[in-house]
Amino acid sequence: MKKLSHIDARGRVAMVDTSAKAQTARRAIASARVLMSKATVAAVRAQRTPKGDPLETARLAGIMAAKRTSDLIPLCHPLPLTHVDVRAELQAYGVYLEAEVATHAQTGVEMEALTAVSVAALTIYDMCKALDKAMTITDVRLERKTGGKSGAYSRQ
């Protein structure tokens, strides 16, 4: 069985020591969906939501969240992010979110991309909850990643 990377010799949770790893270009893309009623979709499309534009607010929240990932996830390393982009697209079912995060570092940015879409989705919910408390956040997932020892990954 493979040794667990976040457990020390005494069985305690530990942050991985990345000091011997090479810095490489790393990129990750994650996505999420916010399912909402047709009436809520129509309100977002017509810019008739009580708190303002949920798509642009969610984009900004996702970017800010990516930058704070190590403050939120206990064993994540703080990373010098070189790029963060969050895209929010209104669809017939609700909102599709995608975050792309890049760095040149010793560890990957998957958690930053996942955090970005998660917080963006929560922001959509917050911005639209007065209209639709039954919204569902779903399909938070890693789509692609490049860089690092484990190589590239692409969801099939």
C-alpha atoms as a PDB file:
ATOM      1  CA  MET A   1       0.000   0.000   0.000  1.00  0.00           C
ATOM      2  CA  LYS A   2       1.220   3.491  -0.847  1.00  0.00           C
ATOM      3  CA  LYS A   3       2.398   5.574   2.114  1.00  0.00           C
ATOM      4  CA  LEU A   4      -0.056   8.338   3.005  1.00  0.00           C
ATOM      5  CA  SER A   5       1.475  11.708   2.188  1.00  0.00           C
ATOM      6  CA  HIS A   6      -0.286  13.758   4.875  1.00  0.00           C
ATOM      7  CA  ILE A   7       0.421  11.454   7.836  1.00  0.00           C
ATOM      8  CA  ASP A   8       3.727  11.591   9.732  1.00  0.00           C
ATOM      9  CA  ALA A   9       5.635   8.652  11.292  1.00  0.00           C
ATOM     10  CA  ARG A  10       3.545   8.919  14.477  1.00  0.00           C
ATOM     11  CA  GLY A  11       0.228   8.900  12.613  1.00  0.00           C
ATOM     12  CA  ARG A  12      -0.414  12.638  12.997  1.00  0.00           C
ATOM     13  CA  VAL A  13      -1.751  14.856  10.223  1.00  0.00           C
ATOM     14  CA  ALA A  14       1.139  16.735   8.618  1.00  0.00           C
ATOM     15  CA  MET A  15       1.720  19.177   5.779  1.00  0.00           C
ATOM     16  CA  VAL A  16       3.731  17.614   2.952  1.00  0.00           C
ATOM     17  CA  ASP A  17       7.320  18.884   2.673  1.00  0.00           C
ATOM     18  CA  THR A  18       7.652  20.104  -0.919  1.00  0.00           C
ATOM     19  CA  SER A  19      11.091  21.684  -0.488  1.00  0.00           C
ATOM     20  CA  ALA A  20      12.846  18.988  -2.562  1.00  0.00           C
ATOM     21  CA  LYS A  21      10.325  19.190  -5.421  1.00  0.00           C
ATOM     22  CA  ALA A  22      11.111  21.147  -8.547  1.00  0.00           C
ATOM     23  CA  GLN A  23       9.077  24.222  -9.359  1.00  0.00           C
ATOM     24  CA  THR A  24       7.122  23.643 -12.548  1.00  0.00           C
ATOM     25  CA  ALA A  25       4.303  25.329 -14.430  1.00  0.00           C
ATOM     26  CA  ARG A  26       1.009  23.986 -13.140  1.00  0.00           C
ATOM     27  CA  ARG A  27      -2.562  24.655 -14.233  1.00  0.00           C
ATOM     28  CA  ALA A  28      -5.941  23.315 -13.133  1.00  0.00           C
ATOM     29  CA  ILE A  29      -9.499  23.787 -14.346  1.00  0.00           C
ATOM     30  CA  ALA A  30     -12.512  22.952 -12.172  1.00  0.00           C
ATOM     31  CA  SER A  31     -16.223  23.352 -12.754  1.00  0.00           C
ATOM     32  CA  ALA A  32     -19.535  23.482 -10.892  1.00  0.00           C
ATOM     33  CA  ARG A  33     -23.206  23.965 -11.654  1.00  0.00           C
ATOM     34  CA  VAL A  34     -25.928  25.861  -9.842  1.00  0.00           C
ATOM     35  CA  LEU A  35     -29.358  24.489 -10.701  1.00  0.00           C
ATOM     36  CA  MET A  36     -32.198  26.987 -10.366  1.00  0.00           C
ATOM     37  CA  SER A  37     -35.793  27.496 -11.402  1.00  0.00           C
ATOM     38  CA  LYS A  38     -36.679  28.863 -14.820  1.00  0.00           C
ATOM     39  CA  ALA A  39     -38.038  31.988 -13.138  1.00  0.00           C
ATOM     40  CA  THR A  40     -34.695  32.590 -11.421  1.00  0.00           C
ATOM     41  CA  VAL A  41     -32.810  32.040 -14.673  1.00  0.00           C
ATOM     42  CA  ALA A  42     -35.112  34.584 -16.306  1.00  0.00           C
ATOM     43  CA  ALA A  43     -34.508  37.091 -13.483  1.00  0.00           C
ATOM     44  CA  VAL A  44     -30.732  36.705 -13.814  1.00  0.00           C
ATOM     45  CA  ARG A  45     -30.974  37.086 -17.595  1.00  0.00           C
ATOM     46  CA  ALA A  46     -33.101  40.229 -17.235  1.00  0.00           C
ATOM     47  CA  GLN A  47     -30.803  41.601 -14.506  1.00  0.00           C
ATOM     48  CA  ARG A  48     -33.694  41.667 -12.026  1.00  0.00           C
ATOM     49  CA  THR A  49     -32.025  40.070  -9.000  1.00  0.00           C
ATOM     50  CA  PRO A  50     -32.329  41.873  -5.654  1.00  0.00           C
ATOM     51  CA  LYS A  51     -28.606  41.980  -4.839  1.00  0.00           C
ATOM     52  CA  GLY A  52     -27.251  42.945  -8.264  1.00  0.00           C
ATOM     53  CA  ASP A  53     -25.391  40.938 -10.899  1.00  0.00           C
ATOM     54  CA  PRO A  54     -24.813  37.436  -9.499  1.00  0.00           C
ATOM     55  CA  LEU A  55     -22.535  36.317 -12.346  1.00  0.00           C
ATOM     56  CA  GLU A  56     -19.972  39.108 -11.998  1.00  0.00           C
ATOM     57  CA  THR A  57     -20.124  38.973  -8.204  1.00  0.00           C
ATOM     58  CA  ALA A  58     -19.535  35.205  -8.319  1.00  0.00           C
ATOM     59  CA  ARG A  59     -16.580  35.643 -10.678  1.00  0.00           C
ATOM     60  CA  LEU A  60     -14.928  38.078  -8.287  1.00  0.00           C
ATOM     61  CA  ALA A  61     -15.693  35.892  -5.242  1.00  0.00           C
ATOM     62  CA  GLY A  62     -14.161  32.870  -6.976  1.00  0.00           C
ATOM     63  CA  ILE A  63     -10.980  34.766  -7.834  1.00  0.00           C
ATOM     64  CA  MET A  64     -10.683  35.999  -4.255  1.00  0.00           C
ATOM     65  CA  ALA A  65     -11.315  32.491  -2.896  1.00  0.00           C
ATOM     66  CA  ALA A  66      -8.601  30.902  -5.043  1.00  0.00           C
ATOM     67  CA  LYS A  67      -6.116  33.331  -3.505  1.00  0.00           C
ATOM     68  CA  ARG A  68      -7.200  32.305   0.025  1.00  0.00           C
ATOM     69  CA  THR A  69      -7.328  28.520  -0.404  1.00  0.00           C
ATOM     70  CA  SER A  70      -4.493  27.795   2.031  1.00  0.00           C
ATOM     71  CA  ASP A  71      -6.397  29.785   4.680  1.00  0.00           C
ATOM     72  CA  LEU A  72      -9.455  27.568   4.198  1.00  0.00           C
ATOM     73  CA  ILE A  73      -8.070  24.071   3.581  1.00  0.00           C
ATOM     74  CA  PRO A  74      -5.776  23.091   6.481  1.00  0.00           C
ATOM     75  CA  LEU A  75      -2.974  21.254   4.647  1.00  0.00           C
ATOM     76  CA  CYS A  76      -2.826  23.295   1.435  1.00  0.00           C
ATOM     77  CA  HIS A  77       0.387  25.166   0.737  1.00  0.00           C
ATOM     78  CA  PRO A  78       0.138  28.906   0.082  1.00  0.00           C
ATOM     79  CA  LEU A  79       0.965  29.315  -3.604  1.00  0.00           C
ATOM     80  CA  PRO A  80       2.088  32.255  -5.735  1.00  0.00           C
ATOM     81  CA  LEU A  81      -0.783  32.239  -8.208  1.00  0.00           C
ATOM     82  CA  THR A  82       0.111  33.645 -11.595  1.00  0.00           C
ATOM     83  CA  HIS A  83      -3.386  33.466 -13.107  1.00  0.00           C
ATOM     84  CA  VAL A  84      -6.960  33.019 -11.902  1.00  0.00           C
ATOM     85  CA  ASP A  85      -9.994  33.251 -14.140  1.00  0.00           C
ATOM     86  CA  VAL A  86     -13.552  32.341 -13.227  1.00  0.00           C
ATOM     87  CA  ARG A  87     -16.148  32.084 -15.969  1.00  0.00           C
ATOM     88  CA  ALA A  88     -19.879  32.152 -15.214  1.00  0.00           C
ATOM     89  CA  GLU A  89     -22.332  31.265 -17.981  1.00  0.00           C
ATOM     90  CA  LEU A  90     -26.090  31.414 -17.691  1.00  0.00           C
ATOM     91  CA  GLN A  91     -27.629  28.223 -19.062  1.00  0.00           C
ATOM     92  CA  ALA A  92     -31.227  26.962 -19.305  1.00  0.00           C
ATOM     93  CA  TYR A  93     -30.776  24.981 -16.032  1.00  0.00           C
ATOM     94  CA  GLY A  94     -28.959  27.727 -14.115  1.00  0.00           C
ATOM     95  CA  VAL A  95     -25.297  28.742 -14.001  1.00  0.00           C
ATOM     96  CA  TYR A  96     -22.226  26.865 -15.229  1.00  0.00           C
ATOM     97  CA  LEU A  97     -19.008  27.910 -13.497  1.00  0.00           C
ATOM     98  CA  GLU A  98     -15.454  27.180 -14.525  1.00  0.00           C
ATOM     99  CA  ALA A  99     -12.253  28.290 -12.816  1.00  0.00           C
ATOM    100  CA  GLU A 100      -8.767  28.172 -14.304  1.00  0.00           C
ATOM    101  CA  VAL A 101      -5.797  28.658 -11.984  1.00  0.00           C
ATOM    102  CA  ALA A 102      -2.069  28.651 -12.775  1.00  0.00           C
ATOM    103  CA  THR A 103       1.187  28.872 -10.864  1.00  0.00           C
ATOM    104  CA  HIS A 104       4.864  28.077 -11.157  1.00  0.00           C
ATOM    105  CA  ALA A 105       5.430  26.189  -7.934  1.00  0.00           C
ATOM    106  CA  GLN A 106       6.324  22.929  -6.191  1.00  0.00           C
ATOM    107  CA  THR A 107       2.742  21.715  -5.847  1.00  0.00           C
ATOM    108  CA  GLY A 108      -0.432  21.883  -7.911  1.00  0.00           C
ATOM    109  CA  VAL A 109      -3.397  24.235  -7.992  1.00  0.00           C
ATOM    110  CA  GLU A 110      -6.285  21.754  -8.094  1.00  0.00           C
ATOM    111  CA  MET A 111      -7.550  22.851  -4.681  1.00  0.00           C
ATOM    112  CA  GLU A 112      -7.419  26.510  -5.707  1.00  0.00           C
ATOM    113  CA  ALA A 113      -9.524  25.821  -8.793  1.00  0.00           C
ATOM    114  CA  LEU A 114     -12.011  23.725  -6.801  1.00  0.00           C
ATOM    115  CA  THR A 115     -12.221  26.367  -4.080  1.00  0.00           C
ATOM    116  CA  ALA A 116     -12.812  29.072  -6.686  1.00  0.00           C
ATOM    117  CA  VAL A 117     -15.815  27.313  -8.265  1.00  0.00           C
ATOM    118  CA  SER A 118     -17.206  26.287  -4.882  1.00  0.00           C
ATOM    119  CA  VAL A 119     -17.188  29.842  -3.524  1.00  0.00           C
ATOM    120  CA  ALA A 120     -18.474  31.196  -6.846  1.00  0.00           C
ATOM    121  CA  ALA A 121     -21.384  28.727  -6.635  1.00  0.00           C
ATOM    122  CA  LEU A 122     -22.110  29.726  -3.039  1.00  0.00           C
ATOM    123  CA  THR A 123     -22.092  33.359  -4.146  1.00  0.00           C
ATOM    124  CA  ILE A 124     -24.640  32.630  -6.884  1.00  0.00           C
ATOM    125  CA  TYR A 125     -26.801  31.009  -4.227  1.00  0.00           C
ATOM    126  CA  ASP A 126     -26.418  33.996  -1.897  1.00  0.00           C
ATOM    127  CA  MET A 127     -27.183  36.504  -4.644  1.00  0.00           C
ATOM    128  CA  CYS A 128     -30.331  34.641  -5.776  1.00  0.00           C
ATOM    129  CA  LYS A 129     -31.679  33.032  -2.586  1.00  0.00           C
ATOM    130  CA  ALA A 130     -34.382  35.687  -2.186  1.00  0.00           C
ATOM    131  CA  LEU A 131     -35.858  34.367  -5.452  1.00  0.00           C
ATOM    132  CA  ASP A 132     -35.125  30.648  -5.156  1.00  0.00           C
ATOM    133  CA  LYS A 133     -34.180  28.840  -1.950  1.00  0.00           C
ATOM    134  CA  ALA A 134     -34.405  25.473  -3.736  1.00  0.00           C
ATOM    135  CA  MET A 135     -31.275  26.058  -5.852  1.00  0.00           C
ATOM    136  CA  THR A 136     -28.829  23.150  -5.886  1.00  0.00           C
ATOM    137  CA  ILE A 137     -25.048  23.348  -6.155  1.00  0.00           C
ATOM    138  CA  THR A 138     -23.828  20.277  -7.977  1.00  0.00           C
ATOM    139  CA  ASP A 139     -21.028  18.691 -10.010  1.00  0.00           C
ATOM    140  CA  VAL A 140     -18.102  20.437  -8.316  1.00  0.00           C
ATOM    141  CA  ARG A 141     -15.190  18.657  -9.981  1.00  0.00           C
ATOM    142  CA  LEU A 142     -11.713  18.825 -11.439  1.00  0.00           C
ATOM    143  CA  GLU A 143     -11.843  18.928 -15.233  1.00  0.00           C
ATOM    144  CA  ARG A 144      -8.145  19.130 -16.164  1.00  0.00           C
ATOM    145  CA  LYS A 145      -4.724  19.634 -14.667  1.00  0.00           C
ATOM    146  CA  THR A 146      -1.200  19.873 -16.043  1.00  0.00           C
ATOM    147  CA  GLY A 147       2.241  19.946 -14.491  1.00  0.00           C
ATOM    148  CA  GLY A 148       3.892  18.117 -11.665  1.00  0.00           C
ATOM    149  CA  LYS A 149       5.167  14.601 -11.159  1.00  0.00           C
ATOM    150  CA  SER A 150       1.779  12.949 -11.670  1.00  0.00           C
ATOM    151  CA  GLY A 151       1.428  14.552 -15.115  1.00  0.00           C
ATOM    152  CA  ALA A 152      -1.651  15.660 -16.952  1.00  0.00           C
ATOM    153  CA  TYR A 153      -5.222  14.697 -16.098  1.00  0.00           C
ATOM    154  CA  SER A 154      -8.318  15.296 -18.187  1.00  0.00           C
ATOM    155  CA  ARG A 155     -11.827  14.189 -17.200  1.00  0.00           C
ATOM    156  CA  GLN A 156     -13.230  11.813 -19.806  1.00  0.00           C
END
